[in-house]
PDB file of all heavy atoms in Angstrom:
ATOM      1  N   MET A   1       0.801  -1.198   0.054  1.00  0.00           N
ATOM      2  CA  MET A   1       0.041   0.022   0.026  1.00  0.00           C
ATOM      3  C   MET A   1       0.863   1.255  -0.024  1.00  0.00           C
ATOM      4  O   MET A   1       1.135   1.942   0.989  1.00  0.00           O
ATOM      5  CB  MET A   1      -0.905  -0.005   1.227  1.00  0.00           C
ATOM      6  CG  MET A   1      -2.077   0.889   1.105  1.00  0.00           C
ATOM      7  SD  MET A   1      -3.359   0.302   0.006  1.00  0.00           S
ATOM      8  CE  MET A   1      -4.237   1.799  -0.123  1.00  0.00           C
ATOM      9  N   ALA A   2       1.411   1.536  -1.209  1.00  0.00           N
ATOM     10  CA  ALA A   2       2.335   2.735  -1.321  1.00  0.00           C
ATOM     11  C   ALA A   2       1.568   3.971  -1.634  1.00  0.00           C
ATOM     12  O   ALA A   2       2.209   5.092  -1.652  1.00  0.00           O
ATOM     13  CB  ALA A   2       3.334   2.421  -2.398  1.00  0.00           C
ATOM     14  N   ALA A   3       0.341   3.903  -1.970  1.00  0.00           N
ATOM     15  CA  ALA A   3      -0.430   5.130  -2.341  1.00  0.00           C
ATOM     16  C   ALA A   3      -0.599   6.024  -1.245  1.00  0.00           C
ATOM     17  O   ALA A   3      -0.678   5.632   0.020  1.00  0.00           O
ATOM     18  CB  ALA A   3      -1.839   4.729  -2.935  1.00  0.00           C
ATOM     19  N   ALA A   4      -0.719   7.398  -1.401  1.00  0.00           N
ATOM     20  CA  ALA A   4      -1.062   8.367  -0.462  1.00  0.00           C
ATOM     21  C   ALA A   4      -2.561   8.519  -0.423  1.00  0.00           C
ATOM     22  O   ALA A   4      -2.905   9.465  -1.296  1.00  0.00           O
ATOM     23  CB  ALA A   4      -0.259   9.613  -0.680  1.00  0.00           C
ATOM     24  N   VAL A   5      -3.270   7.907   0.296  1.00  0.00           N
ATOM     25  CA  VAL A   5      -4.820   7.958   0.185  1.00  0.00           C
ATOM     26  C   VAL A   5      -5.213   9.156   1.111  1.00  0.00           C
ATOM     27  O   VAL A   5      -4.763   9.305   2.280  1.00  0.00           O
ATOM     28  CB  VAL A   5      -5.353   6.694   0.684  1.00  0.00           C
ATOM     29  CG1 VAL A   5      -6.847   6.669   0.633  1.00  0.00           C
ATOM     30  CG2 VAL A   5      -4.814   5.388  -0.079  1.00  0.00           C
ATOM     31  N   ALA A   6      -6.175   9.944   0.514  1.00  0.00           N
ATOM     32  CA  ALA A   6      -6.629  11.090   1.251  1.00  0.00           C
ATOM     33  C   ALA A   6      -7.370  10.592   2.535  1.00  0.00           C
ATOM     34  O   ALA A   6      -8.171   9.566   2.442  1.00  0.00           O
ATOM     35  CB  ALA A   6      -7.616  11.808   0.400  1.00  0.00           C
ATOM     36  N   ASP A   7      -7.140  11.273   3.656  1.00  0.00           N
ATOM     37  CA  ASP A   7      -7.766  10.969   4.851  1.00  0.00           C
ATOM     38  C   ASP A   7      -9.159  11.575   4.921  1.00  0.00           C
ATOM     39  O   ASP A   7     -10.008  11.113   5.794  1.00  0.00           O
ATOM     40  CB  ASP A   7      -6.947  11.463   6.037  1.00  0.00           C
ATOM     41  CG  ASP A   7      -5.566  10.655   6.218  1.00  0.00           C
ATOM     42  OD1 ASP A   7      -5.663   9.489   5.955  1.00  0.00           O
ATOM     43  OD2 ASP A   7      -4.597  11.298   6.529  1.00  0.00           O
ATOM     44  N   TYR A   8      -9.341  12.702   4.226  1.00  0.00           N
ATOM     45  CA  TYR A   8     -10.610  13.401   4.249  1.00  0.00           C
ATOM     46  C   TYR A   8     -11.052  13.720   2.816  1.00  0.00           C
ATOM     47  O   TYR A   8     -10.286  13.843   1.871  1.00  0.00           O
ATOM     48  CB  TYR A   8     -10.469  14.772   5.068  1.00  0.00           C
ATOM     49  CG  TYR A   8     -10.198  14.563   6.535  1.00  0.00           C
ATOM     50  CD1 TYR A   8      -8.924  14.453   6.939  1.00  0.00           C
ATOM     51  CD2 TYR A   8     -11.241  14.430   7.411  1.00  0.00           C
ATOM     52  CE1 TYR A   8      -8.637  14.281   8.325  1.00  0.00           C
ATOM     53  CE2 TYR A   8     -10.978  14.282   8.806  1.00  0.00           C
ATOM     54  CZ  TYR A   8      -9.707  14.166   9.197  1.00  0.00           C
ATOM     55  OH  TYR A   8      -9.358  13.925  10.521  1.00  0.00           O
ATOM     56  N   ARG A   9     -12.399  13.838   2.741  1.00  0.00           N
ATOM     57  CA  ARG A   9     -13.022  14.178   1.431  1.00  0.00           C
ATOM     58  C   ARG A   9     -14.216  15.261   1.747  1.00  0.00           C
ATOM     59  O   ARG A   9     -14.647  15.292   2.897  1.00  0.00           O
ATOM     60  CB  ARG A   9     -13.556  12.970   0.645  1.00  0.00           C
ATOM     61  CG  ARG A   9     -14.626  12.285   1.488  1.00  0.00           C
ATOM     62  CD  ARG A   9     -15.310  11.103   0.746  1.00  0.00           C
ATOM     63  NE  ARG A   9     -16.178  10.367   1.467  1.00  0.00           N
ATOM     64  CZ  ARG A   9     -17.534  10.736   1.726  1.00  0.00           C
ATOM     65  NH1 ARG A   9     -17.933  11.881   1.300  1.00  0.00           N
ATOM     66  NH2 ARG A   9     -18.277   9.947   2.456  1.00  0.00           N
ATOM     67  N   PRO A  10     -14.594  16.027   0.762  1.00  0.00           N
ATOM     68  CA  PRO A  10     -15.659  16.883   0.959  1.00  0.00           C
ATOM     69  C   PRO A  10     -16.951  16.161   1.302  1.00  0.00           C
ATOM     70  O   PRO A  10     -17.161  15.066   0.757  1.00  0.00           O
ATOM     71  CB  PRO A  10     -15.784  17.709  -0.360  1.00  0.00           C
ATOM     72  CG  PRO A  10     -14.416  17.582  -0.968  1.00  0.00           C
ATOM     73  CD  PRO A  10     -13.903  16.236  -0.523  1.00  0.00           C
ATOM     74  N   ARG A  11     -17.706  16.659   2.331  1.00  0.00           N
ATOM     75  CA  ARG A  11     -18.855  15.929   2.764  1.00  0.00           C
ATOM     76  C   ARG A  11     -19.912  15.740   1.681  1.00  0.00           C
ATOM     77  O   ARG A  11     -20.513  14.795   1.443  1.00  0.00           O
ATOM     78  CB  ARG A  11     -19.486  16.609   3.940  1.00  0.00           C
ATOM     79  CG  ARG A  11     -20.644  15.896   4.516  1.00  0.00           C
ATOM     80  CD  ARG A  11     -21.123  16.701   5.820  1.00  0.00           C
ATOM     81  NE  ARG A  11     -20.115  16.671   6.752  1.00  0.00           N
ATOM     82  CZ  ARG A  11     -19.961  17.465   7.902  1.00  0.00           C
ATOM     83  NH1 ARG A  11     -21.065  18.317   8.121  1.00  0.00           N
ATOM     84  NH2 ARG A  11     -19.083  17.422   8.774  1.00  0.00           N
ATOM     85  N   THR A  12     -20.034  16.887   0.838  1.00  0.00           N
ATOM     86  CA  THR A  12     -20.791  16.832  -0.302  1.00  0.00           C
ATOM     87  C   THR A  12     -20.050  17.350  -1.542  1.00  0.00           C
ATOM     88  O   THR A  12     -19.210  18.145  -1.441  1.00  0.00           O
ATOM     89  CB  THR A  12     -22.095  17.692  -0.212  1.00  0.00           C
ATOM     90  OG1 THR A  12     -21.699  19.075   0.102  1.00  0.00           O
ATOM     91  CG2 THR A  12     -22.960  17.180   1.040  1.00  0.00           C
ATOM     92  N   VAL A  13     -20.483  16.855  -2.696  1.00  0.00           N
ATOM     93  CA  VAL A  13     -19.755  17.270  -3.902  1.00  0.00           C
ATOM     94  C   VAL A  13     -20.822  18.085  -4.733  1.00  0.00           C
ATOM     95  O   VAL A  13     -21.897  17.537  -5.062  1.00  0.00           O
ATOM     96  CB  VAL A  13     -19.279  16.030  -4.781  1.00  0.00           C
ATOM     97  CG1 VAL A  13     -18.610  16.484  -6.117  1.00  0.00           C
ATOM     98  CG2 VAL A  13     -18.308  15.274  -4.019  1.00  0.00           C
ATOM     99  N   SER A  14     -20.385  19.330  -5.073  1.00  0.00           N
ATOM    100  CA  SER A  14     -21.302  20.102  -5.864  1.00  0.00           C
ATOM    101  C   SER A  14     -21.446  19.679  -7.290  1.00  0.00           C
ATOM    102  O   SER A  14     -20.405  19.428  -7.950  1.00  0.00           O
ATOM    103  CB  SER A  14     -20.758  21.664  -5.847  1.00  0.00           C
ATOM    104  OG  SER A  14     -21.603  22.443  -6.695  1.00  0.00           O
ATOM    105  N   GLU A  15     -22.722  19.588  -7.753  1.00  0.00           N
ATOM    106  CA  GLU A  15     -22.904  19.229  -9.125  1.00  0.00           C
ATOM    107  C   GLU A  15     -22.468  20.283 -10.147  1.00  0.00           C
ATOM    108  O   GLU A  15     -22.278  19.923 -11.222  1.00  0.00           O
ATOM    109  CB  GLU A  15     -24.331  18.796  -9.362  1.00  0.00           C
ATOM    110  CG  GLU A  15     -24.811  17.594  -8.611  1.00  0.00           C
ATOM    111  CD  GLU A  15     -26.216  17.184  -8.875  1.00  0.00           C
ATOM    112  OE1 GLU A  15     -26.832  17.895  -9.696  1.00  0.00           O
ATOM    113  OE2 GLU A  15     -26.617  16.277  -8.324  1.00  0.00           O
ATOM    114  N   GLN A  16     -22.493  21.526  -9.635  1.00  0.00           N
ATOM    115  CA  GLN A  16     -22.012  22.605 -10.504  1.00  0.00           C
ATOM    116  C   GLN A  16     -20.824  23.328  -9.962  1.00  0.00           C
ATOM    117  O   GLN A  16     -20.516  23.155  -8.837  1.00  0.00           O
ATOM    118  CB  GLN A  16     -23.226  23.615 -10.566  1.00  0.00           C
ATOM    119  CG  GLN A  16     -24.529  23.109 -10.963  1.00  0.00           C
ATOM    120  CD  GLN A  16     -24.479  22.629 -12.357  1.00  0.00           C
ATOM    121  OE1 GLN A  16     -23.763  23.156 -13.262  1.00  0.00           O
ATOM    122  NE2 GLN A  16     -25.384  21.631 -12.674  1.00  0.00           N
ATOM    123  N   LYS A  17     -20.208  24.025 -10.835  1.00  0.00           N
ATOM    124  CA  LYS A  17     -18.904  24.638 -10.449  1.00  0.00           C
ATOM    125  C   LYS A  17     -19.246  25.694  -9.328  1.00  0.00           C
ATOM    126  O   LYS A  17     -20.146  26.522  -9.562  1.00  0.00           O
ATOM    127  CB  LYS A  17     -18.198  25.303 -11.599  1.00  0.00           C
ATOM    128  CG  LYS A  17     -16.923  26.107 -11.252  1.00  0.00           C
ATOM    129  CD  LYS A  17     -16.370  26.792 -12.476  1.00  0.00           C
ATOM    130  CE  LYS A  17     -15.128  27.638 -11.961  1.00  0.00           C
ATOM    131  NZ  LYS A  17     -14.632  28.370 -13.126  1.00  0.00           N
ATOM    132  N   ILE A  18     -18.510  25.701  -8.185  1.00  0.00           N
ATOM    133  CA  ILE A  18     -18.654  26.648  -7.211  1.00  0.00           C
ATOM    134  C   ILE A  18     -18.230  28.020  -7.627  1.00  0.00           C
ATOM    135  O   ILE A  18     -16.945  28.157  -8.021  1.00  0.00           O
ATOM    136  CB  ILE A  18     -18.068  26.188  -5.872  1.00  0.00           C
ATOM    137  CG1 ILE A  18     -18.676  24.919  -5.448  1.00  0.00           C
ATOM    138  CG2 ILE A  18     -18.143  27.242  -4.789  1.00  0.00           C
ATOM    139  CD1 ILE A  18     -17.890  24.256  -4.246  1.00  0.00           C
ATOM    140  N   LYS A  19     -18.998  29.048  -7.601  1.00  0.00           N
ATOM    141  CA  LYS A  19     -18.547  30.399  -8.061  1.00  0.00           C
ATOM    142  C   LYS A  19     -17.934  31.153  -6.858  1.00  0.00           C
ATOM    143  O   LYS A  19     -18.119  31.016  -5.710  1.00  0.00           O
ATOM    144  CB  LYS A  19     -19.862  31.136  -8.555  1.00  0.00           C
ATOM    145  CG  LYS A  19     -20.481  30.502  -9.723  1.00  0.00           C
ATOM    146  CD  LYS A  19     -19.639  30.417 -10.948  1.00  0.00           C
ATOM    147  CE  LYS A  19     -20.319  29.865 -12.143  1.00  0.00           C
ATOM    148  NZ  LYS A  19     -19.381  29.825 -13.394  1.00  0.00           N
ATOM    149  N   LYS A  20     -17.174  32.197  -7.364  1.00  0.00           N
ATOM    150  CA  LYS A  20     -16.484  33.041  -6.301  1.00  0.00           C
ATOM    151  C   LYS A  20     -17.563  34.086  -5.842  1.00  0.00           C
ATOM    152  O   LYS A  20     -17.446  35.237  -6.238  1.00  0.00           O
ATOM    153  CB  LYS A  20     -15.283  33.685  -7.017  1.00  0.00           C
ATOM    154  CG  LYS A  20     -14.176  32.703  -7.263  1.00  0.00           C
ATOM    155  CD  LYS A  20     -12.978  33.474  -7.744  1.00  0.00           C
ATOM    156  CE  LYS A  20     -13.098  34.063  -9.033  1.00  0.00           C
ATOM    157  NZ  LYS A  20     -11.788  34.720  -9.565  1.00  0.00           N
ATOM    158  N   SER A  21     -18.501  33.651  -5.062  1.00  0.00           N
ATOM    159  CA  SER A  21     -19.628  34.584  -4.530  1.00  0.00           C
ATOM    160  C   SER A  21     -19.281  35.089  -3.225  1.00  0.00           C
ATOM    161  O   SER A  21     -19.974  35.968  -2.668  1.00  0.00           O
ATOM    162  CB  SER A  21     -20.897  33.856  -4.585  1.00  0.00           C
ATOM    163  OG  SER A  21     -20.848  32.715  -3.778  1.00  0.00           O
ATOM    164  N   ASP A  22     -18.252  34.531  -2.502  1.00  0.00           N
ATOM    165  CA  ASP A  22     -17.972  34.899  -1.134  1.00  0.00           C
ATOM    166  C   ASP A  22     -16.467  34.743  -0.902  1.00  0.00           C
ATOM    167  O   ASP A  22     -15.781  33.905  -1.367  1.00  0.00           O
ATOM    168  CB  ASP A  22     -18.725  33.847  -0.168  1.00  0.00           C
ATOM    169  CG  ASP A  22     -18.771  34.459   1.236  1.00  0.00           C
ATOM    170  OD1 ASP A  22     -17.895  35.269   1.623  1.00  0.00           O
ATOM    171  OD2 ASP A  22     -19.663  34.004   2.039  1.00  0.00           O
ATOM    172  N   ASP A  23     -15.964  35.697  -0.091  1.00  0.00           N
ATOM    173  CA  ASP A  23     -14.493  35.683   0.274  1.00  0.00           C
ATOM    174  C   ASP A  23     -14.196  34.433   1.077  1.00  0.00           C
ATOM    175  O   ASP A  23     -12.957  34.056   1.087  1.00  0.00           O
ATOM    176  CB  ASP A  23     -14.159  36.967   0.949  1.00  0.00           C
ATOM    177  CG  ASP A  23     -14.174  38.155   0.141  1.00  0.00           C
ATOM    178  OD1 ASP A  23     -14.150  37.995  -1.178  1.00  0.00           O
ATOM    179  OD2 ASP A  23     -14.286  39.296   0.563  1.00  0.00           O
ATOM    180  N   ASN A  24     -15.129  33.863   1.835  1.00  0.00           N
ATOM    181  CA  ASN A  24     -14.809  32.747   2.575  1.00  0.00           C
ATOM    182  C   ASN A  24     -15.746  31.577   2.321  1.00  0.00           C
ATOM    183  O   ASN A  24     -16.951  31.640   2.238  1.00  0.00           O
ATOM    184  CB  ASN A  24     -15.119  33.106   4.126  1.00  0.00           C
ATOM    185  CG  ASN A  24     -14.320  34.184   4.677  1.00  0.00           C
ATOM    186  OD1 ASN A  24     -13.053  34.110   4.538  1.00  0.00           O
ATOM    187  ND2 ASN A  24     -14.911  35.256   5.112  1.00  0.00           N
ATOM    188  N   LEU A  25     -15.076  30.489   1.784  1.00  0.00           N
ATOM    189  CA  LEU A  25     -15.669  29.377   1.409  1.00  0.00           C
ATOM    190  C   LEU A  25     -15.702  28.340   2.547  1.00  0.00           C
ATOM    191  O   LEU A  25     -14.661  27.983   3.033  1.00  0.00           O
ATOM    192  CB  LEU A  25     -15.057  28.672   0.136  1.00  0.00           C
ATOM    193  CG  LEU A  25     -15.591  27.315  -0.318  1.00  0.00           C
ATOM    194  CD1 LEU A  25     -17.112  27.468  -0.709  1.00  0.00           C
ATOM    195  CD2 LEU A  25     -14.709  26.636  -1.462  1.00  0.00           C
ATOM    196  N   ASN A  26     -16.873  27.874   2.966  1.00  0.00           N
ATOM    197  CA  ASN A  26     -16.913  26.812   4.019  1.00  0.00           C
ATOM    198  C   ASN A  26     -17.058  25.472   3.301  1.00  0.00           C
ATOM    199  O   ASN A  26     -18.030  25.185   2.647  1.00  0.00           O
ATOM    200  CB  ASN A  26     -18.162  27.100   4.889  1.00  0.00           C
ATOM    201  CG  ASN A  26     -18.232  26.088   6.015  1.00  0.00           C
ATOM    202  OD1 ASN A  26     -17.294  25.454   6.447  1.00  0.00           O
ATOM    203  ND2 ASN A  26     -19.454  25.910   6.541  1.00  0.00           N
ATOM    204  N   LEU A  27     -16.062  24.564   3.484  1.00  0.00           N
ATOM    205  CA  LEU A  27     -16.005  23.275   2.914  1.00  0.00           C
ATOM    206  C   LEU A  27     -15.841  22.207   3.969  1.00  0.00           C
ATOM    207  O   LEU A  27     -14.829  21.794   4.362  1.00  0.00           O
ATOM    208  CB  LEU A  27     -14.806  23.239   1.968  1.00  0.00           C
ATOM    209  CG  LEU A  27     -14.620  22.040   1.038  1.00  0.00           C
ATOM    210  CD1 LEU A  27     -15.819  21.895  -0.011  1.00  0.00           C
ATOM    211  CD2 LEU A  27     -13.216  21.983   0.328  1.00  0.00           C
ATOM    212  N   PRO A  28     -16.976  21.678   4.308  1.00  0.00           N
ATOM    213  CA  PRO A  28     -17.007  20.658   5.411  1.00  0.00           C
ATOM    214  C   PRO A  28     -16.390  19.377   4.868  1.00  0.00           C
ATOM    215  O   PRO A  28     -16.713  18.972   3.704  1.00  0.00           O
ATOM    216  CB  PRO A  28     -18.542  20.406   5.720  1.00  0.00           C
ATOM    217  CG  PRO A  28     -19.251  21.662   5.191  1.00  0.00           C
ATOM    218  CD  PRO A  28     -18.362  22.079   4.009  1.00  0.00           C
ATOM    219  N   LEU A  29     -15.475  18.712   5.671  1.00  0.00           N
ATOM    220  CA  LEU A  29     -14.925  17.483   5.271  1.00  0.00           C
ATOM    221  C   LEU A  29     -15.398  16.333   6.118  1.00  0.00           C
ATOM    222  O   LEU A  29     -15.727  16.499   7.296  1.00  0.00           O
ATOM    223  CB  LEU A  29     -13.442  17.678   5.455  1.00  0.00           C
ATOM    224  CG  LEU A  29     -12.741  18.759   4.562  1.00  0.00           C
ATOM    225  CD1 LEU A  29     -11.244  18.749   4.911  1.00  0.00           C
ATOM    226  CD2 LEU A  29     -12.966  18.560   3.095  1.00  0.00           C
ATOM    227  N   THR A  30     -15.219  15.156   5.636  1.00  0.00           N
ATOM    228  CA  THR A  30     -15.513  13.866   6.409  1.00  0.00           C
ATOM    229  C   THR A  30     -14.446  12.913   6.139  1.00  0.00           C
ATOM    230  O   THR A  30     -13.736  12.944   5.115  1.00  0.00           O
ATOM    231  CB  THR A  30     -16.910  13.392   6.003  1.00  0.00           C
ATOM    232  OG1 THR A  30     -17.254  12.352   6.872  1.00  0.00           O
ATOM    233  CG2 THR A  30     -16.880  12.875   4.598  1.00  0.00           C
ATOM    234  N   ARG A  31     -14.330  11.936   7.062  1.00  0.00           N
ATOM    235  CA  ARG A  31     -13.194  10.972   6.895  1.00  0.00           C
ATOM    236  C   ARG A  31     -13.505  10.047   5.700  1.00  0.00           C
ATOM    237  O   ARG A  31     -14.678   9.585   5.462  1.00  0.00           O
ATOM    238  CB  ARG A  31     -13.114  10.163   8.211  1.00  0.00           C
ATOM    239  CG  ARG A  31     -12.315  10.780   9.321  1.00  0.00           C
ATOM    240  CD  ARG A  31     -10.855  10.898   9.015  1.00  0.00           C
ATOM    241  NE  ARG A  31     -10.233   9.687   8.708  1.00  0.00           N
ATOM    242  CZ  ARG A  31      -9.672   8.903   9.501  1.00  0.00           C
ATOM    243  NH1 ARG A  31      -9.602   9.160  10.823  1.00  0.00           N
ATOM    244  NH2 ARG A  31      -9.051   7.786   9.102  1.00  0.00           N
ATOM    245  N   THR A  32     -12.489   9.576   5.002  1.00  0.00           N
ATOM    246  CA  THR A  32     -12.552   8.594   4.006  1.00  0.00           C
ATOM    247  C   THR A  32     -12.368   7.161   4.757  1.00  0.00           C
ATOM    248  O   THR A  32     -11.929   7.035   5.847  1.00  0.00           O
ATOM    249  CB  THR A  32     -11.518   8.681   2.968  1.00  0.00           C
ATOM    250  OG1 THR A  32     -10.138   8.598   3.702  1.00  0.00           O
ATOM    251  CG2 THR A  32     -11.476   9.976   2.273  1.00  0.00           C
ATOM    252  N   ALA A  33     -12.757   6.164   4.092  1.00  0.00           N
ATOM    253  CA  ALA A  33     -12.672   4.806   4.574  1.00  0.00           C
ATOM    254  C   ALA A  33     -11.162   4.471   4.789  1.00  0.00           C
ATOM    255  O   ALA A  33     -10.321   4.794   3.905  1.00  0.00           O
ATOM    256  CB  ALA A  33     -13.336   3.823   3.726  1.00  0.00           C
TER     257      ALA A  33
END
């Protein structure tokens, strides 16, 4: 197991490109398996 597997992923994946509508983006994460 030489891969560097991500420990976290975004809790939800946006179906559309997230626009620059706010100076602060809140990106909740959750643990990967």
